[in-house]
Protein backbone atom coordinates (compact mmCIF):
# COMPACT_ATOMS: atom_id res chain seq x y z
CA MET A 1 0.01 0.01 -0.02
CA ASN A 2 1.40 3.41 -0.93
CA ASP A 3 1.17 6.44 1.29
CA ILE A 4 -1.54 8.30 -0.67
CA THR A 5 -4.43 9.22 1.60
CA ALA A 6 -7.93 7.95 0.92
CA THR A 7 -9.21 11.44 -0.12
CA ILE A 8 -6.60 11.70 -2.82
CA GLU A 9 -7.37 8.24 -4.01
CA SER A 10 -10.98 8.96 -4.62
CA ALA A 11 -11.99 9.59 -8.24
CA ASP A 12 -13.95 12.54 -9.53
CA GLU A 13 -16.38 12.73 -12.41
CA TYR A 14 -16.15 15.45 -14.99
CA LEU A 15 -18.50 16.54 -17.68
CA THR A 16 -16.32 16.97 -20.86
CA PHE A 17 -17.00 19.53 -23.54
CA ALA A 18 -15.28 20.90 -26.59
CA LEU A 19 -14.16 24.45 -27.48
CA GLY A 20 -12.51 24.35 -30.87
CA GLU A 21 -9.89 21.61 -30.90
CA GLU A 22 -9.50 21.39 -27.18
CA GLU A 23 -11.45 19.36 -24.60
CA TYR A 24 -12.27 20.67 -21.21
CA GLY A 25 -13.80 19.17 -18.05
CA VAL A 26 -15.93 20.57 -15.24
CA GLU A 27 -16.94 18.75 -12.07
CA ILE A 28 -20.18 17.03 -12.71
CA LEU A 29 -21.53 18.14 -9.34
CA LYS A 30 -21.55 21.78 -10.60
CA VAL A 31 -23.72 20.87 -13.61
CA GLN A 32 -27.44 21.51 -13.26
CA GLU A 33 -28.47 20.65 -16.84
CA ILE A 34 -27.41 20.56 -20.47
CA ARG A 35 -29.67 22.26 -23.04
CA GLY A 36 -29.55 23.51 -26.58
CA TYR A 37 -28.52 27.11 -27.20
CA ASP A 38 -31.47 29.52 -26.86
CA THR A 39 -31.70 33.07 -27.95
CA VAL A 40 -30.48 35.38 -25.22
CA THR A 41 -31.41 38.93 -24.19
CA ARG A 42 -28.29 41.04 -24.71
CA LEU A 43 -27.41 43.36 -21.82
CA PRO A 44 -26.17 46.86 -22.65
CA ASP A 45 -22.47 47.55 -22.05
CA ALA A 46 -21.76 43.93 -20.99
CA PRO A 47 -18.33 42.44 -21.86
CA GLU A 48 -18.40 40.66 -25.25
CA TYR A 49 -18.07 37.20 -23.64
CA ILE A 50 -21.35 37.75 -21.66
CA LYS A 51 -23.88 36.92 -24.35
CA GLY A 52 -26.74 38.10 -22.21
CA VAL A 53 -29.50 36.46 -20.09
CA ILE A 54 -32.15 33.83 -20.47
CA ASN A 55 -35.27 33.13 -18.42
CA LEU A 56 -34.93 29.56 -17.14
CA ARG A 57 -38.14 28.55 -15.37
CA GLY A 58 -38.40 31.91 -13.71
CA THR A 59 -34.70 32.36 -12.92
CA ILE A 60 -32.71 35.01 -14.85
CA VAL A 61 -29.54 33.25 -15.90
CA PRO A 62 -26.42 35.04 -17.27
CA VAL A 63 -24.96 33.28 -20.32
CA ILE A 64 -21.21 33.19 -20.96
CA ASP A 65 -19.67 32.33 -24.30
CA MET A 66 -16.62 30.37 -23.30
CA ARG A 67 -14.91 30.72 -26.65
CA LEU A 68 -14.90 34.48 -26.25
CA LYS A 69 -13.92 34.29 -22.52
CA PHE A 70 -10.88 32.13 -23.40
CA ARG A 71 -9.98 34.40 -26.47
CA LEU A 72 -10.62 31.65 -28.99
CA ALA A 73 -11.99 32.20 -32.56
CA LYS A 74 -15.61 33.24 -32.60
CA ALA A 75 -17.87 30.31 -33.15
CA GLU A 76 -20.94 30.08 -35.37
CA TYR A 77 -23.92 29.02 -33.35
CA ASN A 78 -25.78 26.15 -34.79
CA ALA A 79 -27.96 23.15 -33.86
CA LEU A 80 -25.00 21.47 -32.14
CA THR A 81 -24.18 24.48 -29.95
CA VAL A 82 -24.80 23.56 -26.29
CA MET A 83 -25.42 25.48 -23.10
CA ILE A 84 -24.25 23.91 -19.89
CA VAL A 85 -26.26 25.29 -16.96
CA LEU A 86 -24.06 25.39 -13.82
CA ASN A 87 -24.80 25.95 -10.20
CA VAL A 88 -21.86 27.90 -8.74
CA ALA A 89 -21.69 29.85 -5.48
CA ASP A 90 -25.54 29.61 -5.11
CA ARG A 91 -25.93 31.21 -8.53
CA VAL A 92 -27.13 29.68 -11.81
CA VAL A 93 -24.88 30.45 -14.85
CA GLY A 94 -25.10 29.31 -18.43
CA MET A 95 -21.93 28.48 -20.35
CA VAL A 96 -21.98 28.19 -24.20
CA VAL A 97 -19.69 25.49 -25.59
CA ASP A 98 -19.28 23.90 -29.00
CA SER A 99 -20.37 20.44 -27.91
CA VAL A 100 -20.68 18.17 -24.86
CA SER A 101 -18.79 14.90 -25.06
CA ASP A 102 -19.44 12.66 -22.02
CA VAL A 103 -18.85 12.15 -18.38
CA VAL A 104 -15.50 10.69 -17.42
CA ARG A 105 -14.20 9.42 -14.14
CA LEU A 106 -10.65 10.47 -13.33
CA GLU A 107 -8.55 8.85 -10.59
CA SER A 108 -6.05 11.15 -8.87
CA GLU A 109 -3.14 9.62 -10.77
CA GLN A 110 -4.81 10.66 -14.06
CA ILE A 111 -4.67 14.35 -13.09
CA ARG A 112 -1.44 16.25 -13.64
CA PRO A 113 -0.63 19.80 -12.51
CA VAL A 114 -0.78 22.53 -15.10
CA PRO A 115 2.81 23.01 -16.44
CA GLU A 116 4.64 26.28 -15.74
CA ILE A 117 4.54 28.23 -18.98
CA GLY A 118 5.33 31.68 -17.63
CA ALA A 119 2.74 34.44 -17.92
CA THR A 120 1.20 33.27 -21.14
CA ILE A 121 -1.85 31.59 -19.57
CA ASP A 122 -3.87 32.30 -16.51
CA ARG A 123 -3.55 29.17 -14.47
CA GLN A 124 -5.78 30.19 -11.52
CA PHE A 125 -8.89 28.81 -13.31
CA ILE A 126 -7.35 25.47 -14.32
CA THR A 127 -7.13 22.71 -11.70
CA GLY A 128 -5.01 20.39 -13.79
CA ILE A 129 -4.67 18.32 -17.01
CA GLY A 130 -6.59 15.09 -16.97
CA THR A 131 -5.56 12.07 -19.09
CA HIS A 132 -8.25 9.63 -20.16
CA GLY A 133 -6.87 7.13 -22.65
CA GLU A 134 -5.42 9.18 -25.46
CA ARG A 135 -7.49 12.21 -24.47
CA MET A 136 -6.13 15.22 -22.62
CA LEU A 137 -8.70 17.32 -20.74
CA ILE A 138 -8.17 20.85 -19.43
CA LEU A 139 -9.90 20.65 -16.02
CA LEU A 140 -11.52 23.97 -15.09
CA GLU A 141 -11.95 25.38 -11.59
CA ILE A 142 -15.32 26.60 -12.78
CA GLU A 143 -16.54 28.11 -9.43
CA LYS A 144 -13.39 30.21 -9.18
CA LEU A 145 -13.70 31.30 -12.90
CA MET A 146 -17.41 32.18 -12.58
CA THR A 147 -17.08 33.95 -9.28
CA SER A 148 -13.99 35.95 -10.17
CA ALA A 149 -14.25 39.75 -9.85
CA GLU A 150 -13.41 39.98 -13.61
CA MET A 151 -16.60 38.08 -14.52
CA GLY A 152 -18.71 40.25 -12.31
CA LEU A 153 -21.40 37.61 -12.02
CA VAL A 154 -21.50 37.24 -8.22
CA ALA A 155 -21.79 40.30 -6.02
CA HIS A 156 -18.85 40.73 -3.78
CA ALA A 157 -19.05 42.45 -0.45
CA ASN A 158 -17.70 45.97 -0.88
CA ALA A 159 -16.44 48.15 1.88
CA ALA A 160 -18.81 51.07 1.36
């Protein structure tokens, strides 16, 4: 028996999705539902990556285009475009992605730390790189991303 603790040995499940040529993963426990892309109501003066809002069963949900957020080429929205509805920090948020792949279970030994590449990428929103067979998944710290001050989706306590 090695010296890895039981908590590290436990596996986590991730919903995988594509943005361009890359595959990403988010913790399945953060996912509320997966739905087709709906028309959104654009908000004035919102950053480009905030597509707008939708009314989801009485809840007004902000919708983020992850391609634009990650500075990827703009995508054409079509019948395959998917919105992943997330529950983060007691807030419902929609995330537009190219397609959803599947749910994968990753053991701790299948997750590697993000390599040091200098200042070229913002590593604070990436928990690691998952390997699943021949696939490499960029694992997102989705709660940290969606609640960051830069996103402005969750009110932060301000010293007034």
